[in-house]
Structures are given as structure tokens and as C-alpha cells.
Amino acid sequence: MGVSFDAPEKNRAFAEEQGFTFPLLTDGERELALAYGACDDAGARFPARLTFVVSPEGVIEQSIETSDPAGQAQAILDALD
């Protein structure tokens, strides 16, 4: 899944435009971003681009700075094999 500070309508339009096959969630109050260290305060305009690899048990296995949003998913899948 992806998370953004944008409103649900904007996220929906962006996800459709990009052809995402996963949910894009809204974190307007910055609660998730604050908990995961993707921003320092609730007034942040933008979150840091981070990717989290989460185990089936819900444990964060890796936190990766996202430098290539388009290609990072495949690079992570290749590294996990």
C-alpha cells in the first residue's frame, strides 16, 4: 500500500492515473508518518519517501529511503528472493 498526505479524492485520481494495483491511503493528520518517522511534525507539508518491508506477522523488516519510486518495488522483490 502507499500513503500520502493528500485528500482521498486526489489519491484516488493519482492512483488511477498511475495504474496502481494497490491501495493509496490518506494520512491527512500525519499520524502514520509521525509514527514511522516519515515526518518530524504534524505541520509537515510532505513526508519523506520511505519504503517499509513488513513481514506477514506485521514486523517491519526493513526501512528503505525511496530514491526510485518507479523501480524500487522490483528491486526490493529481487533482493528478497
C-alpha atoms as a PDB file:
ATOM      1  CA  MET A   1       0.000   0.000   0.000  1.00  0.00           C
ATOM      2  CA  GLY A   2       1.011   3.609  -0.341  1.00  0.00           C
ATOM      3  CA  VAL A   3       0.354   6.525   1.990  1.00  0.00           C
ATOM      4  CA  SER A   4       0.108  10.215   1.172  1.00  0.00           C
ATOM      5  CA  PHE A   5      -0.910  13.443   2.904  1.00  0.00           C
ATOM      6  CA  ASP A   6      -3.266  14.226   0.004  1.00  0.00           C
ATOM      7  CA  ALA A   7      -7.059  14.037   0.264  1.00  0.00           C
ATOM      8  CA  PRO A   8      -8.732  10.717  -0.656  1.00  0.00           C
ATOM      9  CA  GLU A   9     -10.144  12.141  -3.907  1.00  0.00           C
ATOM     10  CA  LYS A  10      -6.701  13.320  -5.043  1.00  0.00           C
ATOM     11  CA  ASN A  11      -5.139   9.979  -4.069  1.00  0.00           C
ATOM     12  CA  ARG A  12      -7.844   8.083  -5.970  1.00  0.00           C
ATOM     13  CA  ALA A  13      -7.286  10.150  -9.128  1.00  0.00           C
ATOM     14  CA  PHE A  14      -3.491   9.790  -8.858  1.00  0.00           C
ATOM     15  CA  ALA A  15      -3.715   6.022  -8.300  1.00  0.00           C
ATOM     16  CA  GLU A  16      -5.990   5.633 -11.322  1.00  0.00           C
ATOM     17  CA  GLU A  17      -3.717   7.830 -13.452  1.00  0.00           C
ATOM     18  CA  GLN A  18      -0.663   5.778 -12.445  1.00  0.00           C
ATOM     19  CA  GLY A  19      -2.452   2.432 -12.782  1.00  0.00           C
ATOM     20  CA  PHE A  20      -1.685   1.403  -9.198  1.00  0.00           C
ATOM     21  CA  THR A  21      -2.937  -2.061  -8.279  1.00  0.00           C
ATOM     22  CA  PHE A  22      -2.612  -1.361  -4.546  1.00  0.00           C
ATOM     23  CA  PRO A  23      -4.434   0.980  -2.147  1.00  0.00           C
ATOM     24  CA  LEU A  24      -3.190   4.555  -1.731  1.00  0.00           C
ATOM     25  CA  LEU A  25      -4.220   5.742   1.732  1.00  0.00           C
ATOM     26  CA  THR A  26      -4.601   9.261   3.151  1.00  0.00           C
ATOM     27  CA  ASP A  27      -2.696  10.367   6.265  1.00  0.00           C
ATOM     28  CA  GLY A  28      -4.018  13.921   6.494  1.00  0.00           C
ATOM     29  CA  GLU A  29      -3.323  14.200  10.216  1.00  0.00           C
ATOM     30  CA  ARG A  30       0.260  12.867   9.763  1.00  0.00           C
ATOM     31  CA  GLU A  31      -0.308  10.206  12.446  1.00  0.00           C
ATOM     32  CA  LEU A  32       1.180   7.335  10.445  1.00  0.00           C
ATOM     33  CA  ALA A  33       4.020   9.483   9.089  1.00  0.00           C
ATOM     34  CA  LEU A  34       4.928  10.615  12.597  1.00  0.00           C
ATOM     35  CA  ALA A  35       4.803   7.052  13.949  1.00  0.00           C
ATOM     36  CA  TYR A  36       7.033   5.718  11.150  1.00  0.00           C
ATOM     37  CA  GLY A  37       9.449   8.654  11.102  1.00  0.00           C
ATOM     38  CA  ALA A  38       8.374   9.928   7.676  1.00  0.00           C
ATOM     39  CA  CYS A  39       7.955  13.465   9.062  1.00  0.00           C
ATOM     40  CA  ASP A  40       9.077  15.359  12.140  1.00  0.00           C
ATOM     41  CA  ASP A  41       5.892  17.244  12.990  1.00  0.00           C
ATOM     42  CA  ALA A  42       2.189  17.402  12.167  1.00  0.00           C
ATOM     43  CA  GLY A  43       2.726  20.601  10.166  1.00  0.00           C
ATOM     44  CA  ALA A  44       4.996  18.955   7.590  1.00  0.00           C
ATOM     45  CA  ARG A  45       3.962  19.687   4.013  1.00  0.00           C
ATOM     46  CA  PHE A  46       5.451  16.492   2.603  1.00  0.00           C
ATOM     47  CA  PRO A  47       6.512  13.131   4.049  1.00  0.00           C
ATOM     48  CA  ALA A  48       9.897  11.591   3.415  1.00  0.00           C
ATOM     49  CA  ARG A  49       9.754   8.944   0.705  1.00  0.00           C
ATOM     50  CA  LEU A  50      10.271   5.704   2.570  1.00  0.00           C
ATOM     51  CA  THR A  51       9.549   2.076   1.785  1.00  0.00           C
ATOM     52  CA  PHE A  52       8.888  -0.416   4.560  1.00  0.00           C
ATOM     53  CA  VAL A  53       9.172  -4.160   4.108  1.00  0.00           C
ATOM     54  CA  VAL A  54       6.693  -5.725   6.530  1.00  0.00           C
ATOM     55  CA  SER A  55       6.630  -9.424   7.428  1.00  0.00           C
ATOM     56  CA  PRO A  56       3.396 -11.441   7.356  1.00  0.00           C
ATOM     57  CA  GLU A  57       3.408 -11.066  11.164  1.00  0.00           C
ATOM     58  CA  GLY A  58       3.371  -7.259  10.841  1.00  0.00           C
ATOM     59  CA  VAL A  59       7.007  -6.724  11.862  1.00  0.00           C
ATOM     60  CA  ILE A  60       8.966  -4.062   9.964  1.00  0.00           C
ATOM     61  CA  GLU A  61      11.894  -5.964   8.469  1.00  0.00           C
ATOM     62  CA  GLN A  62      13.462  -3.092   6.515  1.00  0.00           C
ATOM     63  CA  SER A  63      13.099   0.682   6.172  1.00  0.00           C
ATOM     64  CA  ILE A  64      14.481   1.956   2.877  1.00  0.00           C
ATOM     65  CA  GLU A  65      14.804   5.522   1.599  1.00  0.00           C
ATOM     66  CA  THR A  66      12.909   5.614  -1.682  1.00  0.00           C
ATOM     67  CA  SER A  67      15.119   7.091  -4.387  1.00  0.00           C
ATOM     68  CA  ASP A  68      13.426   5.437  -7.390  1.00  0.00           C
ATOM     69  CA  PRO A  69       9.657   5.109  -6.809  1.00  0.00           C
ATOM     70  CA  ALA A  70       9.059   3.559 -10.237  1.00  0.00           C
ATOM     71  CA  GLY A  71      11.730   0.871  -9.983  1.00  0.00           C
ATOM     72  CA  GLN A  72      12.113   0.297  -6.276  1.00  0.00           C
ATOM     73  CA  ALA A  73       9.383  -2.316  -5.862  1.00  0.00           C
ATOM     74  CA  GLN A  74      11.026  -4.682  -8.327  1.00  0.00           C
ATOM     75  CA  ALA A  75      14.475  -4.075  -6.802  1.00  0.00           C
ATOM     76  CA  ILE A  76      13.120  -4.982  -3.360  1.00  0.00           C
ATOM     77  CA  LEU A  77      11.378  -8.102  -4.654  1.00  0.00           C
ATOM     78  CA  ASP A  78      14.604  -9.189  -6.361  1.00  0.00           C
ATOM     79  CA  ALA A  79      16.574  -8.619  -3.127  1.00  0.00           C
ATOM     80  CA  LEU A  80      14.092 -10.688  -1.089  1.00  0.00           C
ATOM     81  CA  ASP A  81      14.449 -13.747  -3.333  1.00  0.00           C
END
